[in-house]
Amino acid sequence: KLGERGAINNFPLFLLDNGLTMNELAFWNGSVSQLLSILGSIYGGFILSRPSSNINSLILFHSLQRFVCIAVQCCCIGCAASFTPILRYPLYHTCCLLSLCWLSYSTGVISTLTFTLMMQYSRQLATELQSSHYSILASVEVAGKLAFATVAGALVDYMGLRLAFALFTALSLLPVLLLLLQPPPATHKNKQE
């Protein structure tokens, strides 16, 4: 979530600074991206309803998509000097907007999958601990995301946009690596036994 928050908060400002109009940014980042985030959440719930779904594989797949979107944004920022103003270069313009929108969609899917995974882990505890455990996990997730969002702007100011987005890209790769390196799930005894 950290790299995602940094990118989502700062890439629209980059687009605005590089020739995208306020109206176009409001449409793509406001209306379209928010709709795609909601659709991503709905899709996340839909794919989890299938009996054959593997939540860890789904999170890995969509985390890879998130990483690619942020990496594309990092490349767009790296090439910005050659392609300004954005509107004059249709392919560059499309890559920027597509990465912005697809990032919103994939984060919607990941949010639903992550909160479902947290619920599943909480359900493995004793009944009296389940709601507290889930509440703590959800609170830490939201607090971490919001805390980094407040720091991300300062990172851009301190490091510069290119280095900050390289950091956001690296941070978005961490969950992918953790999911790839995780040990196989242990078998749990039924808690009624």
N, C-alpha and C. Protein backbone atom coordinates (compact mmCIF):
# COMPACT_ATOMS: atom_id res chain seq x y z
N LYS A 1 0.81 -1.21 0.00
CA LYS A 1 0.00 0.00 0.00
C LYS A 1 0.85 1.26 0.00
N LEU A 2 2.08 1.19 0.48
CA LEU A 2 2.88 2.40 0.61
C LEU A 2 3.24 3.00 -0.75
N GLY A 3 3.78 2.18 -1.64
CA GLY A 3 4.11 2.68 -2.97
C GLY A 3 2.88 3.15 -3.72
N GLU A 4 1.81 2.42 -3.53
CA GLU A 4 0.53 2.78 -4.16
C GLU A 4 0.06 4.16 -3.71
N ARG A 5 0.09 4.40 -2.42
CA ARG A 5 -0.35 5.70 -1.87
C ARG A 5 0.52 6.83 -2.39
N GLY A 6 1.82 6.61 -2.41
CA GLY A 6 2.72 7.65 -2.91
C GLY A 6 2.43 7.98 -4.37
N ALA A 7 2.21 6.94 -5.18
CA ALA A 7 1.94 7.15 -6.60
C ALA A 7 0.58 7.80 -6.82
N ILE A 8 -0.43 7.29 -6.15
CA ILE A 8 -1.79 7.82 -6.34
C ILE A 8 -1.87 9.28 -5.92
N ASN A 9 -1.14 9.66 -4.89
CA ASN A 9 -1.20 11.05 -4.42
C ASN A 9 -0.38 12.01 -5.27
N ASN A 10 0.68 11.53 -5.91
CA ASN A 10 1.60 12.44 -6.58
C ASN A 10 1.57 12.40 -8.10
N PHE A 11 1.17 11.29 -8.69
CA PHE A 11 1.17 11.22 -10.16
C PHE A 11 0.19 12.21 -10.79
N PRO A 12 -1.00 12.40 -10.23
CA PRO A 12 -1.90 13.41 -10.81
C PRO A 12 -1.29 14.82 -10.82
N LEU A 13 -0.52 15.14 -9.80
CA LEU A 13 0.14 16.46 -9.77
C LEU A 13 1.19 16.56 -10.87
N PHE A 14 1.90 15.46 -11.10
CA PHE A 14 2.87 15.42 -12.20
C PHE A 14 2.15 15.66 -13.53
N LEU A 15 1.01 15.00 -13.73
CA LEU A 15 0.27 15.16 -14.98
C LEU A 15 -0.18 16.61 -15.16
N LEU A 16 -0.64 17.20 -14.10
CA LEU A 16 -1.09 18.59 -14.14
C LEU A 16 0.08 19.53 -14.48
N ASP A 17 1.22 19.27 -13.88
CA ASP A 17 2.41 20.10 -14.14
C ASP A 17 2.95 19.93 -15.55
N ASN A 18 2.56 18.85 -16.22
CA ASN A 18 3.11 18.56 -17.55
C ASN A 18 2.09 18.67 -18.66
N GLY A 19 1.11 19.52 -18.48
CA GLY A 19 0.24 19.87 -19.60
C GLY A 19 -1.16 19.31 -19.59
N LEU A 20 -1.48 18.41 -18.69
CA LEU A 20 -2.85 17.91 -18.63
C LEU A 20 -3.74 19.02 -18.06
N THR A 21 -4.88 19.20 -18.65
CA THR A 21 -5.76 20.26 -18.15
C THR A 21 -6.43 19.83 -16.85
N MET A 22 -6.85 20.80 -16.09
CA MET A 22 -7.53 20.52 -14.82
C MET A 22 -8.81 19.72 -15.05
N ASN A 23 -9.55 20.06 -16.12
CA ASN A 23 -10.79 19.33 -16.42
C ASN A 23 -10.52 17.88 -16.78
N GLU A 24 -9.50 17.66 -17.60
CA GLU A 24 -9.17 16.29 -18.00
C GLU A 24 -8.68 15.48 -16.80
N LEU A 25 -7.86 16.09 -15.96
CA LEU A 25 -7.39 15.40 -14.76
C LEU A 25 -8.54 15.08 -13.82
N ALA A 26 -9.46 16.02 -13.65
CA ALA A 26 -10.62 15.78 -12.79
C ALA A 26 -11.45 14.63 -13.32
N PHE A 27 -11.61 14.55 -14.64
CA PHE A 27 -12.38 13.46 -15.22
C PHE A 27 -11.69 12.12 -15.01
N TRP A 28 -10.40 12.03 -15.39
CA TRP A 28 -9.70 10.75 -15.32
C TRP A 28 -9.37 10.33 -13.90
N ASN A 29 -8.87 11.24 -13.10
CA ASN A 29 -8.47 10.89 -11.73
C ASN A 29 -9.66 10.89 -10.78
N GLY A 30 -10.64 11.72 -11.05
CA GLY A 30 -11.81 11.78 -10.17
C GLY A 30 -12.85 10.75 -10.55
N SER A 31 -13.50 10.95 -11.67
CA SER A 31 -14.63 10.10 -12.05
C SER A 31 -14.20 8.70 -12.47
N VAL A 32 -13.36 8.61 -13.48
CA VAL A 32 -13.01 7.31 -14.05
C VAL A 32 -12.24 6.45 -13.04
N SER A 33 -11.23 7.01 -12.41
CA SER A 33 -10.42 6.22 -11.47
C SER A 33 -11.23 5.76 -10.27
N GLN A 34 -12.10 6.61 -9.76
CA GLN A 34 -12.92 6.20 -8.61
C GLN A 34 -13.90 5.10 -9.01
N LEU A 35 -14.49 5.22 -10.20
CA LEU A 35 -15.39 4.18 -10.69
C LEU A 35 -14.63 2.86 -10.85
N LEU A 36 -13.43 2.93 -11.41
CA LEU A 36 -12.63 1.72 -11.59
C LEU A 36 -12.22 1.10 -10.25
N SER A 37 -11.95 1.91 -9.26
CA SER A 37 -11.62 1.39 -7.93
C SER A 37 -12.82 0.63 -7.35
N ILE A 38 -14.00 1.19 -7.51
CA ILE A 38 -15.22 0.52 -7.03
C ILE A 38 -15.44 -0.78 -7.81
N LEU A 39 -15.28 -0.72 -9.13
CA LEU A 39 -15.43 -1.94 -9.93
C LEU A 39 -14.38 -2.98 -9.55
N GLY A 40 -13.17 -2.54 -9.23
CA GLY A 40 -12.13 -3.46 -8.78
C GLY A 40 -12.52 -4.14 -7.48
N SER A 41 -13.11 -3.40 -6.57
CA SER A 41 -13.57 -3.98 -5.30
C SER A 41 -14.68 -5.00 -5.54
N ILE A 42 -15.60 -4.66 -6.43
CA ILE A 42 -16.68 -5.60 -6.76
C ILE A 42 -16.11 -6.85 -7.40
N TYR A 43 -15.18 -6.67 -8.34
CA TYR A 43 -14.56 -7.82 -8.98
C TYR A 43 -13.80 -8.68 -7.97
N GLY A 44 -13.12 -8.03 -7.02
CA GLY A 44 -12.41 -8.78 -5.98
C GLY A 44 -13.36 -9.67 -5.20
N GLY A 45 -14.53 -9.15 -4.85
CA GLY A 45 -15.53 -9.96 -4.16
C GLY A 45 -16.06 -11.08 -5.03
N PHE A 46 -16.23 -10.78 -6.32
CA PHE A 46 -16.75 -11.79 -7.25
C PHE A 46 -15.77 -12.96 -7.41
N ILE A 47 -14.50 -12.66 -7.61
CA ILE A 47 -13.55 -13.77 -7.83
C ILE A 47 -13.32 -14.57 -6.55
N LEU A 48 -13.52 -13.93 -5.40
CA LEU A 48 -13.39 -14.68 -4.15
C LEU A 48 -14.57 -15.62 -3.92
N SER A 49 -15.69 -15.35 -4.58
CA SER A 49 -16.87 -16.20 -4.38
C SER A 49 -16.74 -17.54 -5.10
N ARG A 50 -15.79 -17.65 -5.98
CA ARG A 50 -15.58 -18.93 -6.67
C ARG A 50 -14.91 -19.91 -5.72
N PRO A 51 -15.38 -21.15 -5.70
CA PRO A 51 -14.79 -22.14 -4.79
C PRO A 51 -13.31 -22.43 -5.09
N SER A 52 -12.90 -22.26 -6.32
CA SER A 52 -11.52 -22.59 -6.70
C SER A 52 -10.54 -21.44 -6.47
N SER A 53 -11.01 -20.31 -5.95
CA SER A 53 -10.13 -19.15 -5.83
C SER A 53 -9.10 -19.34 -4.71
N ASN A 54 -7.89 -18.94 -5.01
CA ASN A 54 -6.79 -18.97 -4.04
C ASN A 54 -6.43 -17.52 -3.75
N ILE A 55 -6.75 -17.06 -2.56
CA ILE A 55 -6.60 -15.64 -2.23
C ILE A 55 -5.16 -15.17 -2.33
N ASN A 56 -4.21 -15.99 -1.95
CA ASN A 56 -2.80 -15.58 -2.03
C ASN A 56 -2.35 -15.40 -3.47
N SER A 57 -2.78 -16.30 -4.35
CA SER A 57 -2.44 -16.17 -5.77
C SER A 57 -3.09 -14.93 -6.39
N LEU A 58 -4.32 -14.66 -5.98
CA LEU A 58 -5.02 -13.49 -6.49
C LEU A 58 -4.34 -12.20 -6.03
N ILE A 59 -3.96 -12.15 -4.76
CA ILE A 59 -3.26 -10.96 -4.26
C ILE A 59 -1.93 -10.79 -4.99
N LEU A 60 -1.22 -11.89 -5.22
CA LEU A 60 0.04 -11.82 -5.95
C LEU A 60 -0.16 -11.28 -7.37
N PHE A 61 -1.15 -11.81 -8.07
CA PHE A 61 -1.41 -11.40 -9.45
C PHE A 61 -1.74 -9.90 -9.52
N HIS A 62 -2.61 -9.45 -8.65
CA HIS A 62 -3.01 -8.04 -8.69
C HIS A 62 -1.93 -7.12 -8.11
N SER A 63 -1.11 -7.63 -7.21
CA SER A 63 0.04 -6.85 -6.73
C SER A 63 1.06 -6.66 -7.84
N LEU A 64 1.22 -7.67 -8.68
CA LEU A 64 2.09 -7.52 -9.86
C LEU A 64 1.55 -6.45 -10.80
N GLN A 65 0.23 -6.44 -10.98
CA GLN A 65 -0.37 -5.41 -11.83
C GLN A 65 -0.12 -4.02 -11.24
N ARG A 66 -0.28 -3.91 -9.93
CA ARG A 66 -0.04 -2.62 -9.26
C ARG A 66 1.41 -2.19 -9.46
N PHE A 67 2.35 -3.13 -9.29
CA PHE A 67 3.77 -2.83 -9.50
C PHE A 67 4.02 -2.34 -10.92
N VAL A 68 3.44 -3.01 -11.91
CA VAL A 68 3.64 -2.61 -13.31
C VAL A 68 3.10 -1.20 -13.54
N CYS A 69 1.93 -0.90 -12.99
CA CYS A 69 1.36 0.45 -13.16
C CYS A 69 2.27 1.51 -12.58
N ILE A 70 2.79 1.28 -11.39
CA ILE A 70 3.67 2.27 -10.76
C ILE A 70 5.00 2.35 -11.50
N ALA A 71 5.50 1.22 -12.01
CA ALA A 71 6.73 1.23 -12.81
C ALA A 71 6.52 2.01 -14.11
N VAL A 72 5.36 1.87 -14.73
CA VAL A 72 5.05 2.65 -15.93
C VAL A 72 5.02 4.14 -15.59
N GLN A 73 4.42 4.48 -14.46
CA GLN A 73 4.40 5.88 -14.04
C GLN A 73 5.81 6.40 -13.80
N CYS A 74 6.65 5.57 -13.20
CA CYS A 74 8.05 5.95 -12.97
C CYS A 74 8.76 6.20 -14.30
N CYS A 75 8.50 5.35 -15.29
CA CYS A 75 9.08 5.55 -16.62
C CYS A 75 8.54 6.81 -17.29
N CYS A 76 7.25 7.06 -17.12
CA CYS A 76 6.65 8.28 -17.69
C CYS A 76 7.30 9.52 -17.10
N ILE A 77 7.57 9.49 -15.81
CA ILE A 77 8.23 10.62 -15.15
C ILE A 77 9.66 10.76 -15.66
N GLY A 78 10.33 9.63 -15.84
CA GLY A 78 11.70 9.66 -16.35
C GLY A 78 11.80 10.21 -17.77
N CYS A 79 10.76 10.02 -18.55
CA CYS A 79 10.75 10.49 -19.95
C CYS A 79 10.08 11.84 -20.12
N ALA A 80 9.66 12.45 -19.04
CA ALA A 80 8.83 13.66 -19.12
C ALA A 80 9.48 14.79 -19.89
N ALA A 81 10.78 14.96 -19.76
CA ALA A 81 11.44 16.07 -20.45
C ALA A 81 11.30 15.95 -21.97
N SER A 82 11.22 14.74 -22.47
CA SER A 82 11.12 14.51 -23.91
C SER A 82 9.69 14.62 -24.42
N PHE A 83 8.71 14.49 -23.54
CA PHE A 83 7.31 14.40 -23.97
C PHE A 83 6.41 15.45 -23.31
N THR A 84 6.90 16.68 -23.18
CA THR A 84 6.08 17.73 -22.59
C THR A 84 5.75 18.74 -23.67
N PRO A 85 4.55 19.22 -23.77
CA PRO A 85 3.37 18.89 -22.99
C PRO A 85 2.78 17.54 -23.40
N ILE A 86 2.16 16.90 -22.45
CA ILE A 86 1.64 15.54 -22.61
C ILE A 86 0.69 15.41 -23.79
N LEU A 87 -0.17 16.39 -23.98
CA LEU A 87 -1.22 16.29 -24.99
C LEU A 87 -0.68 16.20 -26.42
N ARG A 88 0.57 16.60 -26.65
CA ARG A 88 1.14 16.53 -27.99
C ARG A 88 1.60 15.13 -28.37
N TYR A 89 1.70 14.25 -27.42
CA TYR A 89 2.22 12.90 -27.66
C TYR A 89 1.16 11.87 -27.25
N PRO A 90 0.32 11.43 -28.19
CA PRO A 90 -0.83 10.57 -27.84
C PRO A 90 -0.45 9.27 -27.12
N LEU A 91 0.62 8.61 -27.53
CA LEU A 91 0.99 7.35 -26.89
C LEU A 91 1.44 7.60 -25.45
N TYR A 92 2.23 8.62 -25.23
CA TYR A 92 2.68 8.98 -23.88
C TYR A 92 1.48 9.38 -23.01
N HIS A 93 0.62 10.19 -23.57
CA HIS A 93 -0.60 10.64 -22.89
C HIS A 93 -1.44 9.42 -22.48
N THR A 94 -1.61 8.48 -23.40
CA THR A 94 -2.40 7.27 -23.13
C THR A 94 -1.74 6.42 -22.05
N CYS A 95 -0.43 6.24 -22.11
CA CYS A 95 0.29 5.45 -21.08
C CYS A 95 0.10 6.07 -19.70
N CYS A 96 0.21 7.38 -19.63
CA CYS A 96 0.04 8.06 -18.33
C CYS A 96 -1.36 7.83 -17.77
N LEU A 97 -2.37 8.06 -18.60
CA LEU A 97 -3.75 7.92 -18.11
C LEU A 97 -4.12 6.47 -17.86
N LEU A 98 -3.65 5.56 -18.71
CA LEU A 98 -3.95 4.15 -18.51
C LEU A 98 -3.32 3.64 -17.22
N SER A 99 -2.09 4.04 -16.93
CA SER A 99 -1.45 3.60 -15.68
C SER A 99 -2.18 4.17 -14.47
N LEU A 100 -2.65 5.40 -14.57
CA LEU A 100 -3.40 6.03 -13.48
C LEU A 100 -4.70 5.27 -13.22
N CYS A 101 -5.43 4.97 -14.28
CA CYS A 101 -6.73 4.29 -14.13
C CYS A 101 -6.56 2.83 -13.72
N TRP A 102 -5.61 2.12 -14.35
CA TRP A 102 -5.44 0.71 -14.01
C TRP A 102 -4.93 0.53 -12.58
N LEU A 103 -4.15 1.49 -12.11
CA LEU A 103 -3.69 1.45 -10.72
C LEU A 103 -4.88 1.55 -9.78
N SER A 104 -5.83 2.40 -10.09
CA SER A 104 -7.02 2.53 -9.25
C SER A 104 -7.83 1.23 -9.25
N TYR A 105 -7.96 0.61 -10.42
CA TYR A 105 -8.70 -0.65 -10.50
C TYR A 105 -8.00 -1.74 -9.68
N SER A 106 -6.70 -1.90 -9.88
CA SER A 106 -5.99 -2.97 -9.17
C SER A 106 -5.97 -2.73 -7.67
N THR A 107 -5.91 -1.48 -7.23
CA THR A 107 -5.94 -1.22 -5.79
C THR A 107 -7.31 -1.54 -5.20
N GLY A 108 -8.36 -1.36 -5.99
CA GLY A 108 -9.69 -1.76 -5.52
C GLY A 108 -9.77 -3.26 -5.31
N VAL A 109 -9.24 -4.02 -6.27
CA VAL A 109 -9.22 -5.48 -6.14
C VAL A 109 -8.39 -5.89 -4.93
N ILE A 110 -7.20 -5.33 -4.80
CA ILE A 110 -6.30 -5.69 -3.71
C ILE A 110 -6.90 -5.37 -2.35
N SER A 111 -7.59 -4.25 -2.25
CA SER A 111 -8.21 -3.89 -0.96
C SER A 111 -9.23 -4.93 -0.53
N THR A 112 -10.09 -5.34 -1.44
CA THR A 112 -11.09 -6.37 -1.11
C THR A 112 -10.41 -7.68 -0.73
N LEU A 113 -9.41 -8.08 -1.50
CA LEU A 113 -8.71 -9.33 -1.21
C LEU A 113 -7.98 -9.26 0.14
N THR A 114 -7.35 -8.14 0.42
CA THR A 114 -6.58 -7.99 1.66
C THR A 114 -7.49 -8.01 2.88
N PHE A 115 -8.58 -7.28 2.82
CA PHE A 115 -9.49 -7.26 3.96
C PHE A 115 -10.15 -8.63 4.16
N THR A 116 -10.40 -9.34 3.07
CA THR A 116 -10.93 -10.70 3.20
C THR A 116 -9.91 -11.62 3.84
N LEU A 117 -8.65 -11.50 3.44
CA LEU A 117 -7.59 -12.31 4.03
C LEU A 117 -7.45 -12.02 5.52
N MET A 118 -7.55 -10.74 5.89
CA MET A 118 -7.49 -10.39 7.31
C MET A 118 -8.66 -11.01 8.08
N MET A 119 -9.83 -11.03 7.46
CA MET A 119 -10.99 -11.68 8.10
C MET A 119 -10.74 -13.18 8.28
N GLN A 120 -10.18 -13.80 7.26
CA GLN A 120 -9.91 -15.24 7.35
C GLN A 120 -8.93 -15.55 8.48
N TYR A 121 -7.88 -14.75 8.61
CA TYR A 121 -6.94 -14.97 9.71
C TYR A 121 -7.60 -14.73 11.06
N SER A 122 -8.43 -13.73 11.14
CA SER A 122 -9.11 -13.43 12.41
C SER A 122 -10.07 -14.54 12.80
N ARG A 123 -10.68 -15.19 11.83
CA ARG A 123 -11.63 -16.27 12.12
C ARG A 123 -10.95 -17.51 12.68
N GLN A 124 -9.64 -17.60 12.55
CA GLN A 124 -8.92 -18.74 13.08
C GLN A 124 -8.67 -18.63 14.58
N LEU A 125 -8.96 -17.47 15.15
CA LEU A 125 -8.75 -17.25 16.58
C LEU A 125 -9.99 -17.65 17.37
N ALA A 126 -9.85 -17.63 18.67
CA ALA A 126 -11.00 -17.89 19.54
C ALA A 126 -12.07 -16.83 19.26
N THR A 127 -13.32 -17.21 19.39
CA THR A 127 -14.44 -16.34 19.04
C THR A 127 -14.37 -14.97 19.71
N GLU A 128 -14.00 -14.94 20.97
CA GLU A 128 -13.97 -13.67 21.70
C GLU A 128 -12.86 -12.73 21.23
N LEU A 129 -11.89 -13.24 20.48
CA LEU A 129 -10.78 -12.41 20.00
C LEU A 129 -10.95 -11.97 18.54
N GLN A 130 -11.85 -12.59 17.83
CA GLN A 130 -11.94 -12.37 16.39
C GLN A 130 -12.19 -10.91 16.00
N SER A 131 -13.18 -10.28 16.59
CA SER A 131 -13.51 -8.91 16.17
C SER A 131 -12.40 -7.94 16.55
N SER A 132 -11.80 -8.12 17.71
CA SER A 132 -10.71 -7.23 18.12
C SER A 132 -9.50 -7.40 17.20
N HIS A 133 -9.18 -8.64 16.87
CA HIS A 133 -8.05 -8.92 15.99
C HIS A 133 -8.25 -8.28 14.62
N TYR A 134 -9.43 -8.47 14.05
CA TYR A 134 -9.71 -7.90 12.73
C TYR A 134 -9.68 -6.37 12.80
N SER A 135 -10.26 -5.81 13.84
CA SER A 135 -10.28 -4.34 13.98
C SER A 135 -8.87 -3.78 14.06
N ILE A 136 -8.00 -4.46 14.79
CA ILE A 136 -6.61 -4.01 14.89
C ILE A 136 -5.91 -4.10 13.54
N LEU A 137 -6.08 -5.23 12.84
CA LEU A 137 -5.46 -5.38 11.52
C LEU A 137 -5.95 -4.30 10.56
N ALA A 138 -7.26 -4.08 10.52
CA ALA A 138 -7.82 -3.08 9.61
C ALA A 138 -7.34 -1.68 9.98
N SER A 139 -7.28 -1.39 11.26
CA SER A 139 -6.83 -0.06 11.71
C SER A 139 -5.37 0.18 11.36
N VAL A 140 -4.53 -0.83 11.54
CA VAL A 140 -3.11 -0.69 11.20
C VAL A 140 -2.95 -0.49 9.69
N GLU A 141 -3.74 -1.20 8.89
CA GLU A 141 -3.67 -1.06 7.44
C GLU A 141 -4.02 0.37 7.03
N VAL A 142 -5.12 0.88 7.55
CA VAL A 142 -5.56 2.23 7.19
C VAL A 142 -4.60 3.28 7.74
N ALA A 143 -4.16 3.12 8.98
CA ALA A 143 -3.25 4.10 9.59
C ALA A 143 -1.92 4.16 8.84
N GLY A 144 -1.40 3.00 8.47
CA GLY A 144 -0.14 2.97 7.72
C GLY A 144 -0.26 3.65 6.37
N LYS A 145 -1.36 3.39 5.70
CA LYS A 145 -1.61 3.99 4.40
C LYS A 145 -1.73 5.51 4.51
N LEU A 146 -2.48 5.97 5.49
CA LEU A 146 -2.67 7.41 5.66
C LEU A 146 -1.39 8.10 6.12
N ALA A 147 -0.65 7.44 7.00
CA ALA A 147 0.61 8.03 7.48
C ALA A 147 1.59 8.21 6.33
N PHE A 148 1.69 7.20 5.47
CA PHE A 148 2.62 7.32 4.35
C PHE A 148 2.13 8.36 3.35
N ALA A 149 0.82 8.47 3.17
CA ALA A 149 0.29 9.47 2.25
C ALA A 149 0.69 10.88 2.68
N THR A 150 0.77 11.10 3.98
CA THR A 150 1.16 12.43 4.46
C THR A 150 2.65 12.68 4.26
N VAL A 151 3.45 11.63 4.26
CA VAL A 151 4.90 11.76 4.10
C VAL A 151 5.31 11.76 2.63
N ALA A 152 4.48 11.18 1.77
CA ALA A 152 4.85 11.02 0.36
C ALA A 152 5.15 12.35 -0.33
N GLY A 153 4.36 13.36 -0.04
CA GLY A 153 4.61 14.67 -0.65
C GLY A 153 5.94 15.25 -0.22
N ALA A 154 6.26 15.08 1.05
CA ALA A 154 7.55 15.57 1.55
C ALA A 154 8.70 14.79 0.91
N LEU A 155 8.50 13.49 0.68
CA LEU A 155 9.53 12.70 0.00
C LEU A 155 9.78 13.22 -1.41
N VAL A 156 8.70 13.56 -2.11
CA VAL A 156 8.85 14.11 -3.46
C VAL A 156 9.62 15.42 -3.41
N ASP A 157 9.29 16.27 -2.45
CA ASP A 157 10.00 17.55 -2.33
C ASP A 157 11.47 17.34 -1.98
N TYR A 158 11.75 16.40 -1.10
CA TYR A 158 13.12 16.16 -0.63
C TYR A 158 13.96 15.41 -1.66
N MET A 159 13.41 14.33 -2.23
CA MET A 159 14.17 13.46 -3.13
C MET A 159 14.07 13.86 -4.59
N GLY A 160 13.04 14.57 -4.93
CA GLY A 160 12.74 14.83 -6.33
C GLY A 160 11.76 13.77 -6.83
N LEU A 161 11.03 14.12 -7.87
CA LEU A 161 9.97 13.25 -8.36
C LEU A 161 10.50 11.91 -8.87
N ARG A 162 11.60 11.92 -9.60
CA ARG A 162 12.13 10.67 -10.17
C ARG A 162 12.56 9.69 -9.08
N LEU A 163 13.34 10.16 -8.12
CA LEU A 163 13.80 9.27 -7.05
C LEU A 163 12.64 8.81 -6.16
N ALA A 164 11.71 9.72 -5.90
CA ALA A 164 10.56 9.34 -5.08
C ALA A 164 9.75 8.26 -5.77
N PHE A 165 9.54 8.38 -7.07
CA PHE A 165 8.78 7.34 -7.79
C PHE A 165 9.58 6.05 -7.91
N ALA A 166 10.89 6.13 -7.96
CA ALA A 166 11.70 4.91 -7.91
C ALA A 166 11.48 4.21 -6.56
N LEU A 167 11.41 5.00 -5.49
CA LEU A 167 11.12 4.44 -4.16
C LEU A 167 9.71 3.84 -4.12
N PHE A 168 8.73 4.54 -4.68
CA PHE A 168 7.35 4.02 -4.70
C PHE A 168 7.29 2.72 -5.49
N THR A 169 8.04 2.65 -6.57
CA THR A 169 8.08 1.42 -7.38
C THR A 169 8.69 0.28 -6.57
N ALA A 170 9.79 0.56 -5.89
CA ALA A 170 10.44 -0.47 -5.06
C ALA A 170 9.50 -0.92 -3.94
N LEU A 171 8.82 0.02 -3.31
CA LEU A 171 7.89 -0.34 -2.24
C LEU A 171 6.73 -1.19 -2.76
N SER A 172 6.30 -0.93 -3.99
CA SER A 172 5.21 -1.74 -4.54
C SER A 172 5.68 -3.14 -4.94
N LEU A 173 6.99 -3.32 -5.07
CA LEU A 173 7.53 -4.64 -5.38
C LEU A 173 7.65 -5.51 -4.13
N LEU A 174 7.77 -4.90 -2.95
CA LEU A 174 7.93 -5.67 -1.71
C LEU A 174 6.83 -6.70 -1.46
N PRO A 175 5.55 -6.35 -1.58
CA PRO A 175 4.52 -7.38 -1.35
C PRO A 175 4.62 -8.53 -2.34
N VAL A 176 5.01 -8.23 -3.57
CA VAL A 176 5.17 -9.29 -4.58
C VAL A 176 6.25 -10.26 -4.12
N LEU A 177 7.38 -9.73 -3.68
CA LEU A 177 8.48 -10.58 -3.21
C LEU A 177 8.07 -11.38 -1.97
N LEU A 178 7.38 -10.73 -1.05
CA LEU A 178 6.94 -11.43 0.16
C LEU A 178 5.97 -12.56 -0.18
N LEU A 179 5.07 -12.31 -1.11
CA LEU A 179 4.12 -13.35 -1.50
C LEU A 179 4.81 -14.50 -2.23
N LEU A 180 5.82 -14.18 -3.02
CA LEU A 180 6.56 -15.23 -3.73
C LEU A 180 7.41 -16.07 -2.78
N LEU A 181 7.92 -15.44 -1.72
CA LEU A 181 8.83 -16.12 -0.80
C LEU A 181 8.15 -16.72 0.42
N GLN A 182 6.84 -16.54 0.54
CA GLN A 182 6.16 -17.04 1.73
C GLN A 182 6.17 -18.57 1.75
N PRO A 183 6.27 -19.15 2.93
CA PRO A 183 6.22 -20.61 3.03
C PRO A 183 4.81 -21.10 2.72
N PRO A 184 4.68 -22.36 2.35
CA PRO A 184 3.33 -22.89 2.09
C PRO A 184 2.49 -22.82 3.36
N PRO A 185 1.18 -22.64 3.20
CA PRO A 185 0.33 -22.52 4.39
C PRO A 185 0.35 -23.80 5.23
N ALA A 186 0.42 -23.59 6.53
CA ALA A 186 0.38 -24.73 7.46
C ALA A 186 -1.06 -25.19 7.59
N THR A 187 -1.23 -26.44 7.88
CA THR A 187 -2.59 -26.93 8.10
C THR A 187 -2.99 -26.60 9.52
N HIS A 188 -4.18 -26.07 9.67
CA HIS A 188 -4.69 -25.68 10.98
C HIS A 188 -5.72 -26.69 11.44
N LYS A 189 -5.66 -26.99 12.72
CA LYS A 189 -6.67 -27.87 13.28
C LYS A 189 -7.96 -27.09 13.43
N ASN A 190 -9.03 -27.77 13.29
CA ASN A 190 -10.34 -27.15 13.46
C ASN A 190 -10.45 -26.66 14.90
N LYS A 191 -10.89 -25.42 15.11
CA LYS A 191 -10.90 -24.87 16.46
C LYS A 191 -11.99 -25.48 17.35
N GLN A 192 -12.93 -26.24 16.78
CA GLN A 192 -13.92 -26.92 17.61
C GLN A 192 -13.36 -28.19 18.23
N GLU A 193 -12.25 -28.69 17.73
CA GLU A 193 -11.69 -29.95 18.25
C GLU A 193 -11.08 -29.76 19.61
